[in-house]
Amino acid sequence: MKNVETIYGLHAVRSMLTRHPDRVRAVKFAERRDDPRTKEIEELARKGGRPVQRIDARALAQQLGNDVSHQGVIAEIEPLPPWTEDDLVTALETAKDPIILVLDGVQDPHNLGACLRTADACGALAVVVPKDRAAQLNATARKVAVGAAETTPVVSVTNLARALKMLKEAGLWVIGADAEGPKLSFEADLKGGVALVLGAEGSGLRQLTRQNCDFIVRLPQLGTVESLNVSVAAGMFLYEAVRQRATSGTGR
């Protein structure tokens, strides 16, 4: 029997039914939820022949936890299999000027989901995370990603330093972001194949990760805060790469 994972929230469930209806096993609604957005999702589910069930809102809360904002809809799905390092290497063989987002020990699944959403918007090929002491792709991250978890693969690696070396061997420049970087992000050339590396919330890049970066840049900061939320920093870093490609005519 295939693994089943639960996703929740109006956007995440609708995106799954629209993009990958074959992977949806069942959809469940809070019994009193009857607004237009819920009706649209229910119609999509029934049109695709997916089982639909109305259950008590308290049962939804018990299934997911009382602190989860499920918006009255959940879906049981067959999750997208995570890419292995070999899958990533294979994809890099044919990718033109790929962008890879690397997160060095980001522990909050909300931040992982937000980074994944921005990575999808910027056309990143994949997001790389370490297996240990880092957030993995769970239901919380999927909800925040609003469907991006089904389009942008997450590669969970056992050794991040080794993975960075592999990306270099594949022809990518590995560029880390740190407040003490010697040059600003827009001063670096991000138009070719790049792996953009950001550190964990608060602690930043680990020393070994930093040593495996080709160079370090800093993001523009004009205020007084010491650091940016990692998902905000990822967005700035990714969009700088997109901006440079659009300006030079190499954007995809």
Protein backbone atom coordinates (compact mmCIF):
# COMPACT_ATOMS: atom_id res chain seq x y z
CA MET A 1 0.00 0.00 0.00
CA LYS A 2 1.31 3.43 -0.95
CA ASN A 3 2.11 6.00 1.69
CA VAL A 4 -0.61 8.51 2.44
CA GLU A 5 0.00 12.05 3.59
CA THR A 6 -2.47 14.67 4.76
CA ILE A 7 -2.52 18.18 3.35
CA TYR A 8 -4.88 20.88 4.51
CA GLY A 9 -6.10 24.34 3.66
CA LEU A 10 -8.16 25.65 0.74
CA HIS A 11 -5.24 26.64 -1.49
CA ALA A 12 -3.20 23.49 -0.95
CA VAL A 13 -6.11 21.09 -1.53
CA ARG A 14 -7.42 22.97 -4.57
CA SER A 15 -3.93 23.07 -6.09
CA MET A 16 -3.53 19.34 -5.61
CA LEU A 17 -6.91 18.56 -7.19
CA THR A 18 -6.11 20.83 -10.12
CA ARG A 19 -2.55 19.73 -10.81
CA HIS A 20 -2.39 16.14 -9.59
CA PRO A 21 -5.93 14.75 -9.11
CA ASP A 22 -4.69 11.19 -9.63
CA ARG A 23 -2.70 11.40 -6.38
CA VAL A 24 -5.66 12.48 -4.24
CA ARG A 25 -7.08 9.57 -2.27
CA ALA A 26 -9.92 11.38 -0.45
CA VAL A 27 -11.13 14.85 0.49
CA LYS A 28 -12.77 15.69 3.81
CA PHE A 29 -14.74 18.82 4.69
CA ALA A 30 -16.03 20.22 7.94
CA GLU A 31 -19.73 19.41 7.81
CA ARG A 32 -20.89 23.02 8.13
CA ARG A 33 -18.47 24.47 5.57
CA ASP A 34 -20.58 25.52 2.58
CA ASP A 35 -19.03 28.60 0.99
CA PRO A 36 -18.18 29.04 -2.74
CA ARG A 37 -14.50 28.08 -2.36
CA THR A 38 -15.40 24.87 -0.56
CA LYS A 39 -18.04 24.06 -3.18
CA GLU A 40 -15.47 24.54 -5.94
CA ILE A 41 -13.07 22.11 -4.25
CA GLU A 42 -15.85 19.59 -3.71
CA GLU A 43 -16.83 19.86 -7.38
CA LEU A 44 -13.23 19.28 -8.45
CA ALA A 45 -13.01 16.23 -6.22
CA ARG A 46 -16.26 14.69 -7.46
CA LYS A 47 -15.41 15.47 -11.08
CA GLY A 48 -12.17 13.56 -10.64
CA GLY A 49 -13.91 10.65 -8.96
CA ARG A 50 -12.27 11.30 -5.61
CA PRO A 51 -14.17 10.23 -2.46
CA VAL A 52 -15.66 13.16 -0.55
CA GLN A 53 -16.65 13.05 3.10
CA ARG A 54 -18.29 15.52 5.48
CA ILE A 55 -17.09 15.18 9.04
CA ASP A 56 -17.46 17.07 12.30
CA ALA A 57 -15.09 20.02 12.64
CA ARG A 58 -13.88 18.62 15.95
CA ALA A 59 -12.84 15.41 14.19
CA LEU A 60 -10.73 17.46 11.77
CA ALA A 61 -9.09 19.24 14.69
CA GLN A 62 -8.37 15.94 16.42
CA GLN A 63 -6.80 14.52 13.28
CA LEU A 64 -4.48 17.49 12.70
CA GLY A 65 -4.17 19.11 16.12
CA ASN A 66 -6.09 21.99 17.60
CA ASP A 67 -3.44 24.56 16.69
CA VAL A 68 -3.63 23.84 12.95
CA SER A 69 -5.60 26.24 10.74
CA HIS A 70 -7.09 23.68 8.34
CA GLN A 71 -9.82 26.01 6.99
CA GLY A 72 -12.31 23.18 7.10
CA VAL A 73 -10.78 21.03 4.36
CA ILE A 74 -8.14 18.30 4.25
CA ALA A 75 -7.06 15.77 1.64
CA GLU A 76 -5.32 12.44 1.88
CA ILE A 77 -2.76 12.20 -0.90
CA GLU A 78 -0.01 10.05 -2.29
CA PRO A 79 2.99 12.34 -1.66
CA LEU A 80 5.41 13.33 -4.38
CA PRO A 81 8.46 11.12 -3.84
CA PRO A 82 11.41 13.24 -2.67
CA TRP A 83 14.30 13.47 -5.05
CA THR A 84 17.53 11.73 -4.24
CA GLU A 85 20.91 13.24 -4.99
CA ASP A 86 21.05 10.99 -8.06
CA ASP A 87 17.72 12.41 -9.26
CA LEU A 88 19.12 15.91 -8.88
CA VAL A 89 22.30 15.03 -10.78
CA THR A 90 20.22 13.57 -13.61
CA ALA A 91 18.04 16.69 -13.79
CA LEU A 92 21.11 18.95 -13.84
CA GLU A 93 22.42 17.17 -16.93
CA THR A 94 19.72 18.74 -19.09
CA ALA A 95 18.81 21.88 -17.12
CA LYS A 96 19.85 25.22 -18.64
CA ASP A 97 21.27 27.72 -16.14
CA PRO A 98 19.46 26.09 -13.20
CA ILE A 99 18.79 27.74 -9.86
CA ILE A 100 19.04 25.51 -6.78
CA LEU A 101 18.00 26.84 -3.38
CA VAL A 102 19.98 25.29 -0.51
CA LEU A 103 18.78 25.72 3.08
CA ASP A 104 21.40 24.97 5.72
CA GLY A 105 19.45 23.70 8.72
CA VAL A 106 16.24 25.75 8.52
CA GLN A 107 14.16 24.24 11.32
CA ASP A 108 10.78 25.95 11.06
CA PRO A 109 8.46 24.14 8.59
CA HIS A 110 6.63 27.42 8.00
CA ASN A 111 9.88 28.92 6.72
CA LEU A 112 10.58 25.86 4.59
CA GLY A 113 7.13 26.13 3.04
CA ALA A 114 7.55 29.84 2.37
CA CYS A 115 10.98 29.26 0.80
CA LEU A 116 9.55 26.48 -1.34
CA ARG A 117 6.75 28.73 -2.58
CA THR A 118 9.20 31.44 -3.61
CA ALA A 119 11.53 28.88 -5.19
CA ASP A 120 8.63 27.67 -7.33
CA ALA A 121 7.73 31.24 -8.34
CA CYS A 122 11.33 31.88 -9.39
CA GLY A 123 11.64 28.70 -11.44
CA ALA A 124 14.12 26.96 -9.15
CA LEU A 125 14.90 23.41 -10.16
CA ALA A 126 14.89 22.06 -6.60
CA VAL A 127 15.34 22.90 -2.93
CA VAL A 128 18.10 21.07 -1.03
CA VAL A 129 17.92 20.52 2.74
CA PRO A 130 19.95 18.36 5.16
CA LYS A 131 18.19 15.37 6.69
CA ASP A 132 19.32 16.08 10.25
CA ARG A 133 18.42 19.07 12.42
CA ALA A 134 16.32 20.68 9.70
CA ALA A 135 12.65 20.95 8.78
CA GLN A 136 11.39 18.33 6.36
CA LEU A 137 8.45 18.47 3.98
CA ASN A 138 5.48 17.84 6.28
CA ALA A 139 1.82 18.92 6.16
CA THR A 140 2.61 22.33 7.68
CA ALA A 141 5.28 23.09 5.09
CA ARG A 142 2.98 21.88 2.29
CA LYS A 143 0.17 24.19 3.39
CA VAL A 144 2.44 27.23 3.53
CA ALA A 145 3.89 26.29 0.13
CA VAL A 146 0.36 26.43 -1.38
CA GLY A 147 0.97 23.71 -3.98
CA ALA A 148 4.66 24.42 -4.64
CA ALA A 149 5.58 21.16 -2.87
CA GLU A 150 3.99 19.35 -5.81
CA THR A 151 6.01 21.19 -8.47
CA THR A 152 9.41 21.93 -6.92
CA PRO A 153 11.20 18.84 -5.59
CA VAL A 154 12.83 18.82 -2.17
CA VAL A 155 16.13 16.94 -2.00
CA SER A 156 16.99 15.77 1.52
CA VAL A 157 20.72 15.00 1.76
CA THR A 158 22.71 13.21 4.45
CA ASN A 159 25.81 15.36 3.98
CA LEU A 160 25.27 18.95 2.88
CA ALA A 161 28.96 19.70 2.30
CA ARG A 162 29.22 16.71 -0.03
CA ALA A 163 26.07 17.83 -1.84
CA LEU A 164 27.56 21.29 -2.40
CA LYS A 165 30.68 19.72 -3.89
CA MET A 166 28.46 17.66 -6.17
CA LEU A 167 26.71 20.82 -7.37
CA LYS A 168 30.09 22.37 -8.13
CA GLU A 169 31.10 19.30 -10.11
CA ALA A 170 27.88 19.70 -12.09
CA GLY A 171 29.06 23.18 -13.12
CA LEU A 172 27.12 25.37 -10.68
CA TRP A 173 28.52 28.26 -8.70
CA VAL A 174 27.74 27.83 -5.00
CA ILE A 175 26.95 31.23 -3.49
CA GLY A 176 26.23 31.75 0.20
CA ALA A 177 24.36 34.65 1.79
CA ASP A 178 25.68 36.19 4.98
CA ALA A 179 25.45 39.63 6.56
CA GLU A 180 29.26 39.84 6.55
CA GLY A 181 29.64 39.03 2.85
CA PRO A 182 32.26 41.17 1.06
CA LYS A 183 29.94 42.14 -1.82
CA LEU A 184 26.24 42.77 -2.30
CA SER A 185 24.06 40.21 -4.04
CA PHE A 186 23.43 42.46 -7.05
CA GLU A 187 27.19 42.83 -7.52
CA ALA A 188 27.58 39.07 -8.03
CA ASP A 189 26.90 37.30 -11.32
CA LEU A 190 23.87 35.05 -10.73
CA LYS A 191 22.91 34.52 -14.37
CA GLY A 192 24.40 31.05 -14.92
CA GLY A 193 23.78 27.84 -13.04
CA VAL A 194 23.82 28.70 -9.35
CA ALA A 195 23.17 27.14 -5.96
CA LEU A 196 21.99 29.86 -3.57
CA VAL A 197 22.74 28.92 0.03
CA LEU A 198 21.09 30.37 3.13
CA GLY A 199 21.66 29.48 6.75
CA ALA A 200 19.36 28.65 9.61
CA GLU A 201 17.24 31.17 11.46
CA GLY A 202 19.51 33.15 13.75
CA SER A 203 22.72 31.13 13.43
CA GLY A 204 23.26 31.55 9.70
CA LEU A 205 25.61 29.42 7.62
CA ARG A 206 27.57 26.73 9.39
CA GLN A 207 31.33 26.99 9.05
CA LEU A 208 31.67 23.87 6.89
CA THR A 209 28.90 25.09 4.61
CA ARG A 210 30.58 28.47 4.31
CA GLN A 211 33.87 26.80 3.39
CA ASN A 212 32.18 24.99 0.51
CA CYS A 213 30.74 28.16 -1.01
CA ASP A 214 32.60 29.68 -3.95
CA PHE A 215 31.92 33.13 -2.54
CA ILE A 216 29.72 34.89 -0.01
CA VAL A 217 27.41 37.83 -0.64
CA ARG A 218 25.24 39.96 1.58
CA LEU A 219 21.71 41.17 0.95
CA PRO A 220 20.98 44.91 0.96
CA GLN A 221 19.91 46.13 4.41
CA LEU A 222 19.41 49.81 5.17
CA GLY A 223 17.68 49.57 8.53
CA THR A 224 18.79 48.55 12.00
CA VAL A 225 17.69 44.90 12.21
CA GLU A 226 20.56 42.44 12.53
CA SER A 227 19.12 39.75 10.26
CA LEU A 228 16.19 38.89 8.00
CA ASN A 229 13.77 36.02 8.29
CA VAL A 230 15.22 33.22 6.17
CA SER A 231 12.18 33.02 3.89
CA VAL A 232 12.39 36.77 3.24
CA ALA A 233 16.13 36.49 2.55
CA ALA A 234 15.51 33.55 0.20
CA GLY A 235 12.98 35.62 -1.71
CA MET A 236 15.41 38.52 -2.10
CA PHE A 237 18.23 36.22 -3.19
CA LEU A 238 16.12 34.26 -5.67
CA TYR A 239 14.52 37.32 -7.22
CA GLU A 240 17.92 38.93 -7.69
CA ALA A 241 18.91 35.92 -9.80
CA VAL A 242 15.62 36.22 -11.74
CA ARG A 243 16.16 39.98 -12.22
CA GLN A 244 19.64 39.50 -13.62
CA ARG A 245 18.44 36.86 -16.07
CA ALA A 246 15.56 39.03 -17.24
CA THR A 247 17.85 42.03 -17.68
CA SER A 248 20.41 40.06 -19.67
CA GLY A 249 17.83 38.24 -21.75
CA THR A 250 18.72 34.82 -20.34
CA GLY A 251 15.56 34.42 -18.27
CA ARG A 252 13.54 31.32 -18.83
